[in-house]
Each structure stands twice: as structure tokens, then as C-alpha cells.
Amino acid sequence: MTDLGKRILELRKKKDLSQTELANRVGVSYAQIGRYETKGTQPPAEVIKKIAGVLGTSVDYLVSGDSDEKARSTLNDAELLQQFKAVQQMDDDDKRVIKTMIDAFITKRKVQQLAL
């Protein structure tokens, strides 16, 4: 089961919809909904939009999950992820200082690479 399939299944159950009910509202067969949920079949973009509408969510959530899921899927360093979450809770001035420091380190690294 793909993450997309898990999210469709989870939201469908929260809405207390059967596969047949969801399928009828979206305009596909119930078997196709089953394939999306359990077989990893990727729905066409237009079908994803319809599913999102029926389930009361966004296409972005269906495809990518919530922001924490996105962060975990792209950021492998758990400690760094926790640090970013902590920074996110800070006031705007502190965030600006930290962003400036990060930019300085990134710029330094780029200059070092160019010097090689």
C-alpha cells in the first residue's frame, strides 16, 4: 500500500464512506478505489482532485501528506529536523538571525568548493 493509498483509505473511513460510495461520487468503479488504496495504483490527476474534494482535503495532502511527513521524507537527520521544529517556534527576530547564520555557512561552503 502506498502512502497515497493509506491516506485515501484513512480519510474514506473517517468520512464513513464505503469504497462504492466514494467511487460513485468520484465517477470510478469501487474496484478502482480498492486498487488506489491497496495496490499502489496511481490515480490520474483529475481523479485525485475529485477524491480530495469528496474527502474534504487537498490534493497536496493526498499526494504528499502533512508537513511533518514531507519533512521526514526529505530530511534524514532526525536531530536536525528537531532543531528546525524548535526554530519554527521562535519569534521572527530569532528566526531571522538563525536563517542569516545558516546562509553564512552555506555561502562559506560554496566559496570553499569554488576554491578547490
C-alpha atoms as a PDB file:
ATOM      1  CA  MET A   1       0.000   0.000   0.000  1.00  0.00           C
ATOM      2  CA  THR A   2       1.386   3.412  -0.937  1.00  0.00           C
ATOM      3  CA  ASP A   3       1.208   6.463   1.291  1.00  0.00           C
ATOM      4  CA  LEU A   4      -1.378   7.911  -1.108  1.00  0.00           C
ATOM      5  CA  GLY A   5      -3.451   4.752  -0.761  1.00  0.00           C
ATOM      6  CA  LYS A   6      -3.159   4.846   3.035  1.00  0.00           C
ATOM      7  CA  ARG A   7      -4.317   8.449   3.146  1.00  0.00           C
ATOM      8  CA  ILE A   8      -7.290   7.758   0.851  1.00  0.00           C
ATOM      9  CA  LEU A   9      -8.287   4.750   2.966  1.00  0.00           C
ATOM     10  CA  GLU A  10      -7.883   6.619   6.250  1.00  0.00           C
ATOM     11  CA  LEU A  11      -9.889   9.642   5.120  1.00  0.00           C
ATOM     12  CA  ARG A  12     -12.581   7.499   3.486  1.00  0.00           C
ATOM     13  CA  LYS A  13     -13.082   5.615   6.750  1.00  0.00           C
ATOM     14  CA  LYS A  14     -13.155   8.853   8.765  1.00  0.00           C
ATOM     15  CA  LYS A  15     -15.936  10.062   6.463  1.00  0.00           C
ATOM     16  CA  ASP A  16     -17.684   6.699   6.983  1.00  0.00           C
ATOM     17  CA  LEU A  17     -17.777   6.053   3.242  1.00  0.00           C
ATOM     18  CA  SER A  18     -17.607   2.659   1.587  1.00  0.00           C
ATOM     19  CA  GLN A  19     -15.407   2.154  -1.467  1.00  0.00           C
ATOM     20  CA  THR A  20     -18.601   2.032  -3.535  1.00  0.00           C
ATOM     21  CA  GLU A  21     -19.856   5.367  -2.137  1.00  0.00           C
ATOM     22  CA  LEU A  22     -16.524   7.056  -2.775  1.00  0.00           C
ATOM     23  CA  ALA A  23     -16.328   5.527  -6.235  1.00  0.00           C
ATOM     24  CA  ASN A  24     -19.827   6.757  -7.142  1.00  0.00           C
ATOM     25  CA  ARG A  25     -19.033  10.290  -6.014  1.00  0.00           C
ATOM     26  CA  VAL A  26     -15.721  10.318  -7.885  1.00  0.00           C
ATOM     27  CA  GLY A  27     -17.000   8.586 -11.017  1.00  0.00           C
ATOM     28  CA  VAL A  28     -14.845   5.442 -10.997  1.00  0.00           C
ATOM     29  CA  SER A  29     -15.548   1.821 -10.059  1.00  0.00           C
ATOM     30  CA  TYR A  30     -15.298   0.596  -6.467  1.00  0.00           C
ATOM     31  CA  ALA A  31     -12.644  -1.866  -7.668  1.00  0.00           C
ATOM     32  CA  GLN A  32     -10.552   1.067  -8.872  1.00  0.00           C
ATOM     33  CA  ILE A  33     -10.792   2.724  -5.447  1.00  0.00           C
ATOM     34  CA  GLY A  34      -9.590  -0.570  -3.973  1.00  0.00           C
ATOM     35  CA  ARG A  35      -6.602  -0.553  -6.325  1.00  0.00           C
ATOM     36  CA  TYR A  36      -5.747   3.003  -5.305  1.00  0.00           C
ATOM     37  CA  GLU A  37      -5.943   2.088  -1.616  1.00  0.00           C
ATOM     38  CA  THR A  38      -4.195  -1.270  -1.559  1.00  0.00           C
ATOM     39  CA  LYS A  39      -2.373  -1.989  -4.819  1.00  0.00           C
ATOM     40  CA  GLY A  40      -0.440   1.243  -5.204  1.00  0.00           C
ATOM     41  CA  THR A  41      -2.201   2.200  -8.425  1.00  0.00           C
ATOM     42  CA  GLN A  42      -1.714   5.903  -9.108  1.00  0.00           C
ATOM     43  CA  PRO A  43      -4.932   7.728  -9.986  1.00  0.00           C
ATOM     44  CA  PRO A  44      -4.893  10.306 -12.784  1.00  0.00           C
ATOM     45  CA  ALA A  45      -4.602  13.928 -11.617  1.00  0.00           C
ATOM     46  CA  GLU A  46      -8.263  14.654 -12.327  1.00  0.00           C
ATOM     47  CA  VAL A  47      -9.359  11.670 -10.207  1.00  0.00           C
ATOM     48  CA  ILE A  48      -7.062  12.739  -7.344  1.00  0.00           C
ATOM     49  CA  LYS A  49      -8.720  16.178  -7.440  1.00  0.00           C
ATOM     50  CA  LYS A  50     -12.174  14.582  -7.230  1.00  0.00           C
ATOM     51  CA  ILE A  51     -11.138  12.240  -4.412  1.00  0.00           C
ATOM     52  CA  ALA A  52      -9.667  15.182  -2.476  1.00  0.00           C
ATOM     53  CA  GLY A  53     -12.905  17.131  -2.926  1.00  0.00           C
ATOM     54  CA  VAL A  54     -15.108  14.268  -1.737  1.00  0.00           C
ATOM     55  CA  LEU A  55     -12.831  13.556   1.232  1.00  0.00           C
ATOM     56  CA  GLY A  56     -12.587  17.220   2.192  1.00  0.00           C
ATOM     57  CA  THR A  57      -8.832  17.505   1.871  1.00  0.00           C
ATOM     58  CA  SER A  58      -6.258  18.935  -0.507  1.00  0.00           C
ATOM     59  CA  VAL A  59      -4.542  17.210  -3.400  1.00  0.00           C
ATOM     60  CA  ASP A  60      -1.257  18.160  -1.736  1.00  0.00           C
ATOM     61  CA  TYR A  61      -2.191  16.265   1.425  1.00  0.00           C
ATOM     62  CA  LEU A  62      -3.295  13.165  -0.512  1.00  0.00           C
ATOM     63  CA  VAL A  63      -0.114  13.091  -2.563  1.00  0.00           C
ATOM     64  CA  SER A  64       2.466  14.331  -0.053  1.00  0.00           C
ATOM     65  CA  GLY A  65       0.955  14.055   3.414  1.00  0.00           C
ATOM     66  CA  ASP A  66       1.229  16.675   6.125  1.00  0.00           C
ATOM     67  CA  SER A  67       4.188  18.986   6.518  1.00  0.00           C
ATOM     68  CA  ASP A  68       5.854  16.699   9.099  1.00  0.00           C
ATOM     69  CA  GLU A  69       5.618  13.755   6.696  1.00  0.00           C
ATOM     70  CA  LYS A  70       7.132  15.871   3.915  1.00  0.00           C
ATOM     71  CA  ALA A  71       9.952  16.986   6.176  1.00  0.00           C
ATOM     72  CA  ARG A  72      10.685  13.425   7.323  1.00  0.00           C
ATOM     73  CA  SER A  73      10.709  12.162   3.743  1.00  0.00           C
ATOM     74  CA  THR A  74      13.198  14.801   2.608  1.00  0.00           C
ATOM     75  CA  LEU A  75      15.278  15.325   5.753  1.00  0.00           C
ATOM     76  CA  ASN A  76      17.015  12.205   7.032  1.00  0.00           C
ATOM     77  CA  ASP A  77      18.807  13.787  10.003  1.00  0.00           C
ATOM     78  CA  ALA A  78      16.344  13.431  12.918  1.00  0.00           C
ATOM     79  CA  GLU A  79      18.306  15.784  15.171  1.00  0.00           C
ATOM     80  CA  LEU A  80      18.363  18.486  12.503  1.00  0.00           C
ATOM     81  CA  LEU A  81      14.630  18.047  11.955  1.00  0.00           C
ATOM     82  CA  GLN A  82      14.032  18.558  15.698  1.00  0.00           C
ATOM     83  CA  GLN A  83      16.203  21.663  15.629  1.00  0.00           C
ATOM     84  CA  PHE A  84      14.225  23.101  12.717  1.00  0.00           C
ATOM     85  CA  LYS A  85      10.993  22.420  14.615  1.00  0.00           C
ATOM     86  CA  ALA A  86      12.384  24.273  17.634  1.00  0.00           C
ATOM     87  CA  VAL A  87      13.418  27.220  15.470  1.00  0.00           C
ATOM     88  CA  GLN A  88       9.938  27.289  13.954  1.00  0.00           C
ATOM     89  CA  GLN A  89       8.539  28.074  17.428  1.00  0.00           C
ATOM     90  CA  MET A  90      10.812  31.099  17.916  1.00  0.00           C
ATOM     91  CA  ASP A  91       9.857  34.708  17.318  1.00  0.00           C
ATOM     92  CA  ASP A  92      10.564  36.309  13.945  1.00  0.00           C
ATOM     93  CA  ASP A  93      13.716  38.149  15.062  1.00  0.00           C
ATOM     94  CA  ASP A  94      15.355  34.955  16.348  1.00  0.00           C
ATOM     95  CA  LYS A  95      14.344  33.093  13.179  1.00  0.00           C
ATOM     96  CA  ARG A  96      15.905  35.827  11.065  1.00  0.00           C
ATOM     97  CA  VAL A  97      19.206  35.566  12.983  1.00  0.00           C
ATOM     98  CA  ILE A  98      19.302  31.782  12.595  1.00  0.00           C
ATOM     99  CA  LYS A  99      18.486  31.998   8.872  1.00  0.00           C
ATOM    100  CA  THR A 100      21.288  34.541   8.437  1.00  0.00           C
ATOM    101  CA  MET A 101      23.724  32.189  10.189  1.00  0.00           C
ATOM    102  CA  ILE A 102      22.656  29.256   8.029  1.00  0.00           C
ATOM    103  CA  ASP A 103      23.021  31.370   4.880  1.00  0.00           C
ATOM    104  CA  ALA A 104      26.524  32.371   6.007  1.00  0.00           C
ATOM    105  CA  PHE A 105      27.573  28.725   6.444  1.00  0.00           C
ATOM    106  CA  ILE A 106      26.093  27.764   3.075  1.00  0.00           C
ATOM    107  CA  THR A 107      27.861  30.656   1.362  1.00  0.00           C
ATOM    108  CA  LYS A 108      31.155  29.741   3.069  1.00  0.00           C
ATOM    109  CA  ARG A 109      30.815  26.145   1.857  1.00  0.00           C
ATOM    110  CA  LYS A 110      30.085  27.258  -1.721  1.00  0.00           C
ATOM    111  CA  VAL A 111      33.129  29.544  -1.701  1.00  0.00           C
ATOM    112  CA  GLN A 112      35.296  26.700  -0.372  1.00  0.00           C
ATOM    113  CA  GLN A 113      34.069  24.422  -3.164  1.00  0.00           C
ATOM    114  CA  LEU A 114      34.823  27.054  -5.781  1.00  0.00           C
ATOM    115  CA  ALA A 115      38.343  27.476  -4.409  1.00  0.00           C
ATOM    116  CA  LEU A 116      39.117  23.793  -4.960  1.00  0.00           C
END
